[in-house]
Amino acid sequence: MMHLDPAKRVVLPVLVSLRSDVVHLLDELAIDMDLSIDELFSAIVEEAAFGLEKSSKFGEDIVIPDQCSMKDLLDLIRS
């Protein structure tokens, strides 16, 4: 996890719905790592998002036609 200056942190309150067995496992993990649940979730989310910087090629392979027929749509769904 990348440690930032506290002034650069953004507080984002999040409501998460989890099964009780998952909460138990996350609680055990947090205790093992000597973290609070909030710190654990922050670390997990930061690690998951670390490599998600927007690529310069994002969306270049998407073609949106001006019009298409019902047959074109069905052919696209079936392929």
N, C-alpha and C. Protein backbone atom coordinates (compact mmCIF):
# COMPACT_ATOMS: atom_id res chain seq x y z
N MET A 1 0.84 -1.17 0.00
CA MET A 1 0.00 0.00 0.00
C MET A 1 0.89 1.24 0.00
N MET A 2 0.52 2.20 -0.80
CA MET A 2 1.27 3.44 -0.90
C MET A 2 0.86 4.37 0.24
N HIS A 3 1.81 4.81 1.04
CA HIS A 3 1.51 5.68 2.17
C HIS A 3 1.55 7.13 1.71
N LEU A 4 0.47 7.84 1.98
CA LEU A 4 0.36 9.23 1.56
C LEU A 4 0.36 10.16 2.76
N ASP A 5 0.70 11.38 2.49
CA ASP A 5 0.57 12.44 3.47
C ASP A 5 -0.92 12.51 3.85
N PRO A 6 -1.26 12.54 5.14
CA PRO A 6 -2.67 12.59 5.53
C PRO A 6 -3.45 13.73 4.88
N ALA A 7 -2.76 14.80 4.52
CA ALA A 7 -3.44 15.92 3.87
C ALA A 7 -3.91 15.56 2.46
N LYS A 8 -3.32 14.51 1.87
CA LYS A 8 -3.69 14.10 0.52
C LYS A 8 -4.75 13.01 0.51
N ARG A 9 -5.16 12.55 1.67
CA ARG A 9 -6.17 11.51 1.77
C ARG A 9 -7.56 12.09 1.53
N VAL A 10 -8.43 11.31 0.93
CA VAL A 10 -9.82 11.68 0.71
C VAL A 10 -10.68 10.72 1.51
N VAL A 11 -11.52 11.24 2.38
CA VAL A 11 -12.41 10.39 3.17
C VAL A 11 -13.64 10.10 2.33
N LEU A 12 -13.92 8.81 2.14
CA LEU A 12 -15.05 8.38 1.33
C LEU A 12 -15.86 7.37 2.12
N PRO A 13 -16.91 7.81 2.80
CA PRO A 13 -17.72 6.87 3.57
C PRO A 13 -18.40 5.88 2.63
N VAL A 14 -18.30 4.61 2.96
CA VAL A 14 -18.85 3.56 2.09
C VAL A 14 -19.67 2.59 2.94
N LEU A 15 -20.81 2.19 2.44
CA LEU A 15 -21.63 1.18 3.08
C LEU A 15 -21.46 -0.11 2.29
N VAL A 16 -20.99 -1.17 2.96
CA VAL A 16 -20.71 -2.44 2.30
C VAL A 16 -21.57 -3.51 2.94
N SER A 17 -22.22 -4.33 2.11
CA SER A 17 -23.03 -5.42 2.60
C SER A 17 -22.29 -6.73 2.34
N LEU A 18 -21.96 -7.45 3.42
CA LEU A 18 -21.19 -8.69 3.31
C LEU A 18 -21.85 -9.79 4.13
N ARG A 19 -21.56 -11.03 3.75
CA ARG A 19 -22.02 -12.16 4.56
C ARG A 19 -21.25 -12.15 5.87
N SER A 20 -21.86 -12.70 6.90
CA SER A 20 -21.22 -12.69 8.23
C SER A 20 -19.91 -13.48 8.24
N ASP A 21 -19.82 -14.57 7.46
CA ASP A 21 -18.57 -15.34 7.44
C ASP A 21 -17.44 -14.54 6.80
N VAL A 22 -17.77 -13.72 5.82
CA VAL A 22 -16.76 -12.87 5.18
C VAL A 22 -16.29 -11.79 6.16
N VAL A 23 -17.22 -11.20 6.89
CA VAL A 23 -16.86 -10.19 7.89
C VAL A 23 -15.94 -10.80 8.94
N HIS A 24 -16.25 -12.02 9.35
CA HIS A 24 -15.41 -12.70 10.34
C HIS A 24 -13.98 -12.88 9.80
N LEU A 25 -13.86 -13.32 8.55
CA LEU A 25 -12.53 -13.51 7.96
C LEU A 25 -11.78 -12.18 7.83
N LEU A 26 -12.48 -11.14 7.40
CA LEU A 26 -11.84 -9.82 7.28
C LEU A 26 -11.42 -9.29 8.65
N ASP A 27 -12.24 -9.53 9.66
CA ASP A 27 -11.89 -9.10 11.01
C ASP A 27 -10.64 -9.82 11.49
N GLU A 28 -10.55 -11.13 11.25
CA GLU A 28 -9.36 -11.89 11.63
C GLU A 28 -8.13 -11.37 10.90
N LEU A 29 -8.29 -11.08 9.61
CA LEU A 29 -7.18 -10.54 8.82
C LEU A 29 -6.71 -9.19 9.38
N ALA A 30 -7.67 -8.33 9.69
CA ALA A 30 -7.32 -7.01 10.24
C ALA A 30 -6.59 -7.15 11.57
N ILE A 31 -7.06 -8.06 12.41
CA ILE A 31 -6.40 -8.27 13.71
C ILE A 31 -4.99 -8.79 13.49
N ASP A 32 -4.83 -9.76 12.58
CA ASP A 32 -3.50 -10.31 12.29
C ASP A 32 -2.54 -9.25 11.77
N MET A 33 -3.07 -8.28 11.02
CA MET A 33 -2.24 -7.23 10.44
C MET A 33 -2.13 -6.01 11.35
N ASP A 34 -2.78 -6.07 12.53
CA ASP A 34 -2.81 -4.97 13.48
C ASP A 34 -3.37 -3.70 12.84
N LEU A 35 -4.51 -3.87 12.13
CA LEU A 35 -5.18 -2.77 11.45
C LEU A 35 -6.63 -2.69 11.91
N SER A 36 -7.26 -1.55 11.68
CA SER A 36 -8.71 -1.45 11.86
C SER A 36 -9.36 -1.96 10.57
N ILE A 37 -10.65 -2.24 10.64
CA ILE A 37 -11.38 -2.66 9.43
C ILE A 37 -11.30 -1.57 8.36
N ASP A 38 -11.43 -0.29 8.77
CA ASP A 38 -11.33 0.82 7.80
C ASP A 38 -9.97 0.81 7.09
N GLU A 39 -8.91 0.63 7.87
CA GLU A 39 -7.57 0.60 7.27
C GLU A 39 -7.42 -0.60 6.33
N LEU A 40 -7.99 -1.74 6.71
CA LEU A 40 -7.92 -2.93 5.85
C LEU A 40 -8.63 -2.69 4.53
N PHE A 41 -9.86 -2.15 4.59
CA PHE A 41 -10.60 -1.86 3.36
C PHE A 41 -9.87 -0.84 2.50
N SER A 42 -9.30 0.19 3.12
CA SER A 42 -8.53 1.18 2.36
C SER A 42 -7.37 0.52 1.63
N ALA A 43 -6.66 -0.36 2.32
CA ALA A 43 -5.52 -1.05 1.70
C ALA A 43 -5.98 -1.93 0.55
N ILE A 44 -7.06 -2.68 0.75
CA ILE A 44 -7.57 -3.57 -0.30
C ILE A 44 -7.99 -2.76 -1.53
N VAL A 45 -8.72 -1.68 -1.32
CA VAL A 45 -9.20 -0.87 -2.44
C VAL A 45 -8.03 -0.20 -3.17
N GLU A 46 -7.07 0.33 -2.42
CA GLU A 46 -5.92 0.97 -3.05
C GLU A 46 -5.12 -0.03 -3.88
N GLU A 47 -4.90 -1.22 -3.35
CA GLU A 47 -4.16 -2.25 -4.09
C GLU A 47 -4.92 -2.66 -5.34
N ALA A 48 -6.25 -2.80 -5.23
CA ALA A 48 -7.06 -3.21 -6.38
C ALA A 48 -7.06 -2.14 -7.48
N ALA A 49 -7.03 -0.88 -7.08
CA ALA A 49 -7.12 0.22 -8.04
C ALA A 49 -5.76 0.72 -8.51
N PHE A 50 -4.69 0.23 -7.93
CA PHE A 50 -3.35 0.75 -8.21
C PHE A 50 -3.03 0.79 -9.70
N GLY A 51 -3.33 -0.28 -10.44
CA GLY A 51 -2.97 -0.34 -11.85
C GLY A 51 -4.08 0.07 -12.80
N LEU A 52 -5.07 0.78 -12.31
CA LEU A 52 -6.22 1.12 -13.16
C LEU A 52 -6.13 2.48 -13.82
N GLU A 53 -4.94 3.02 -13.96
CA GLU A 53 -4.83 4.33 -14.61
C GLU A 53 -5.39 4.24 -16.02
N LYS A 54 -6.06 5.27 -16.43
CA LYS A 54 -6.71 5.27 -17.74
C LYS A 54 -5.66 5.20 -18.85
N SER A 55 -5.83 4.23 -19.70
CA SER A 55 -4.93 4.05 -20.83
C SER A 55 -5.24 5.10 -21.90
N SER A 56 -4.22 5.51 -22.62
CA SER A 56 -4.44 6.48 -23.69
C SER A 56 -5.22 5.86 -24.84
N LYS A 57 -5.26 4.52 -24.89
CA LYS A 57 -5.98 3.82 -25.96
C LYS A 57 -7.39 3.43 -25.53
N PHE A 58 -7.82 3.87 -24.35
CA PHE A 58 -9.14 3.52 -23.84
C PHE A 58 -10.22 3.98 -24.81
N GLY A 59 -11.03 3.06 -25.26
CA GLY A 59 -12.16 3.39 -26.13
C GLY A 59 -11.84 3.50 -27.60
N GLU A 60 -10.58 3.38 -27.98
CA GLU A 60 -10.22 3.52 -29.39
C GLU A 60 -10.78 2.39 -30.24
N ASP A 61 -11.01 1.21 -29.63
CA ASP A 61 -11.50 0.07 -30.39
C ASP A 61 -13.02 0.00 -30.42
N ILE A 62 -13.70 1.00 -29.86
CA ILE A 62 -15.16 1.02 -29.84
C ILE A 62 -15.67 1.82 -31.03
N VAL A 63 -16.56 1.17 -31.80
CA VAL A 63 -17.15 1.84 -32.96
C VAL A 63 -18.66 1.94 -32.72
N ILE A 64 -19.18 3.15 -32.78
CA ILE A 64 -20.61 3.36 -32.60
C ILE A 64 -21.17 3.81 -33.95
N PRO A 65 -21.97 2.95 -34.58
CA PRO A 65 -22.50 3.31 -35.90
C PRO A 65 -23.60 4.36 -35.79
N ASP A 66 -23.82 5.08 -36.89
CA ASP A 66 -24.88 6.07 -36.93
C ASP A 66 -26.25 5.41 -36.89
N GLN A 67 -26.33 4.22 -37.49
CA GLN A 67 -27.58 3.47 -37.48
C GLN A 67 -27.29 1.99 -37.69
N CYS A 68 -28.23 1.15 -37.28
CA CYS A 68 -28.10 -0.28 -37.52
C CYS A 68 -29.49 -0.89 -37.54
N SER A 69 -29.61 -2.01 -38.21
CA SER A 69 -30.89 -2.68 -38.33
C SER A 69 -31.08 -3.66 -37.17
N MET A 70 -32.29 -4.16 -37.02
CA MET A 70 -32.58 -5.18 -36.02
C MET A 70 -31.75 -6.42 -36.30
N LYS A 71 -31.58 -6.75 -37.59
CA LYS A 71 -30.78 -7.92 -37.97
C LYS A 71 -29.32 -7.73 -37.52
N ASP A 72 -28.78 -6.53 -37.70
CA ASP A 72 -27.41 -6.24 -37.26
C ASP A 72 -27.27 -6.45 -35.75
N LEU A 73 -28.25 -5.97 -34.98
CA LEU A 73 -28.22 -6.14 -33.53
C LEU A 73 -28.27 -7.61 -33.14
N LEU A 74 -29.18 -8.36 -33.77
CA LEU A 74 -29.30 -9.78 -33.45
C LEU A 74 -28.03 -10.54 -33.83
N ASP A 75 -27.45 -10.21 -34.96
CA ASP A 75 -26.19 -10.87 -35.38
C ASP A 75 -25.09 -10.57 -34.38
N LEU A 76 -25.04 -9.36 -33.88
CA LEU A 76 -24.02 -8.98 -32.91
C LEU A 76 -24.21 -9.73 -31.59
N ILE A 77 -25.45 -9.88 -31.16
CA ILE A 77 -25.74 -10.59 -29.91
C ILE A 77 -25.37 -12.06 -30.05
N ARG A 78 -25.66 -12.64 -31.18
CA ARG A 78 -25.41 -14.07 -31.40
C ARG A 78 -23.94 -14.40 -31.58
N SER A 79 -23.13 -13.43 -31.95
CA SER A 79 -21.71 -13.73 -32.20
C SER A 79 -20.87 -13.72 -30.96
